[in-house]
Amino acid sequence: MSYFLIITGGFLLTLAMLGGAFVYFLSHGLKSRDASKIDPK
C-alpha cells in the first residue's frame, strides 16, 4: 500500500510541476504589453 501511495504522490507532484510550468510560460507568452508593442492600436 505504501508503494502505491509513493507512486501516486510522485505522479501527482510531476503533474503539478508540469501544469505549473505550462501556466507560467503561457501567462508570460500572452502579456498584453508585448502584444501592444507588436500591434499598436
C-alpha atoms as a PDB file:
ATOM      1  CA  MET A   1       0.000   0.000   0.000  1.00  0.00           C
ATOM      2  CA  SER A   2       2.825   2.421   0.795  1.00  0.00           C
ATOM      3  CA  TYR A   3       4.370   1.701  -2.618  1.00  0.00           C
ATOM      4  CA  PHE A   4       1.094   2.731  -4.273  1.00  0.00           C
ATOM      5  CA  LEU A   5       0.989   5.961  -2.262  1.00  0.00           C
ATOM      6  CA  ILE A   6       4.582   6.834  -3.153  1.00  0.00           C
ATOM      7  CA  ILE A   7       3.957   6.242  -6.868  1.00  0.00           C
ATOM      8  CA  THR A   8       0.698   8.206  -6.782  1.00  0.00           C
ATOM      9  CA  GLY A   9       2.274  11.095  -4.871  1.00  0.00           C
ATOM     10  CA  GLY A  10       5.209  11.269  -7.266  1.00  0.00           C
ATOM     11  CA  PHE A  11       2.874  11.207 -10.254  1.00  0.00           C
ATOM     12  CA  LEU A  12       0.721  13.995  -8.827  1.00  0.00           C
ATOM     13  CA  LEU A  13       3.794  16.053  -7.966  1.00  0.00           C
ATOM     14  CA  THR A  14       5.140  15.661 -11.500  1.00  0.00           C
ATOM     15  CA  LEU A  15       1.757  16.530 -12.968  1.00  0.00           C
ATOM     16  CA  ALA A  16       1.524  19.648 -10.777  1.00  0.00           C
ATOM     17  CA  MET A  17       5.015  20.776 -11.791  1.00  0.00           C
ATOM     18  CA  LEU A  18       4.263  20.314 -15.485  1.00  0.00           C
ATOM     19  CA  GLY A  19       0.937  22.131 -15.150  1.00  0.00           C
ATOM     20  CA  GLY A  20       2.547  24.978 -13.236  1.00  0.00           C
ATOM     21  CA  ALA A  21       5.294  25.351 -15.843  1.00  0.00           C
ATOM     22  CA  PHE A  22       2.673  25.339 -18.612  1.00  0.00           C
ATOM     23  CA  VAL A  23       0.602  28.060 -16.930  1.00  0.00           C
ATOM     24  CA  TYR A  24       3.747  30.091 -16.158  1.00  0.00           C
ATOM     25  CA  PHE A  25       5.019  30.088 -19.739  1.00  0.00           C
ATOM     26  CA  LEU A  26       1.537  30.602 -21.155  1.00  0.00           C
ATOM     27  CA  SER A  27       0.945  33.658 -18.974  1.00  0.00           C
ATOM     28  CA  HIS A  28       4.325  35.130 -19.876  1.00  0.00           C
ATOM     29  CA  GLY A  29       3.695  34.445 -23.555  1.00  0.00           C
ATOM     30  CA  LEU A  30       0.373  36.291 -23.517  1.00  0.00           C
ATOM     31  CA  LYS A  31       1.423  39.545 -21.875  1.00  0.00           C
ATOM     32  CA  SER A  32      -0.684  42.376 -23.251  1.00  0.00           C
ATOM     33  CA  ARG A  33       2.248  44.799 -23.001  1.00  0.00           C
ATOM     34  CA  ASP A  34       4.254  42.780 -25.524  1.00  0.00           C
ATOM     35  CA  ALA A  35       1.256  42.446 -27.815  1.00  0.00           C
ATOM     36  CA  SER A  36       0.781  46.228 -27.899  1.00  0.00           C
ATOM     37  CA  LYS A  37       4.428  46.638 -28.928  1.00  0.00           C
ATOM     38  CA  ILE A  38       3.947  44.319 -31.893  1.00  0.00           C
ATOM     39  CA  ASP A  39       0.490  45.519 -32.901  1.00  0.00           C
ATOM     40  CA  PRO A  40      -0.114  49.096 -31.680  1.00  0.00           C
ATOM     41  CA  LYS A  41      -3.667  50.398 -31.838  1.00  0.00           C
END
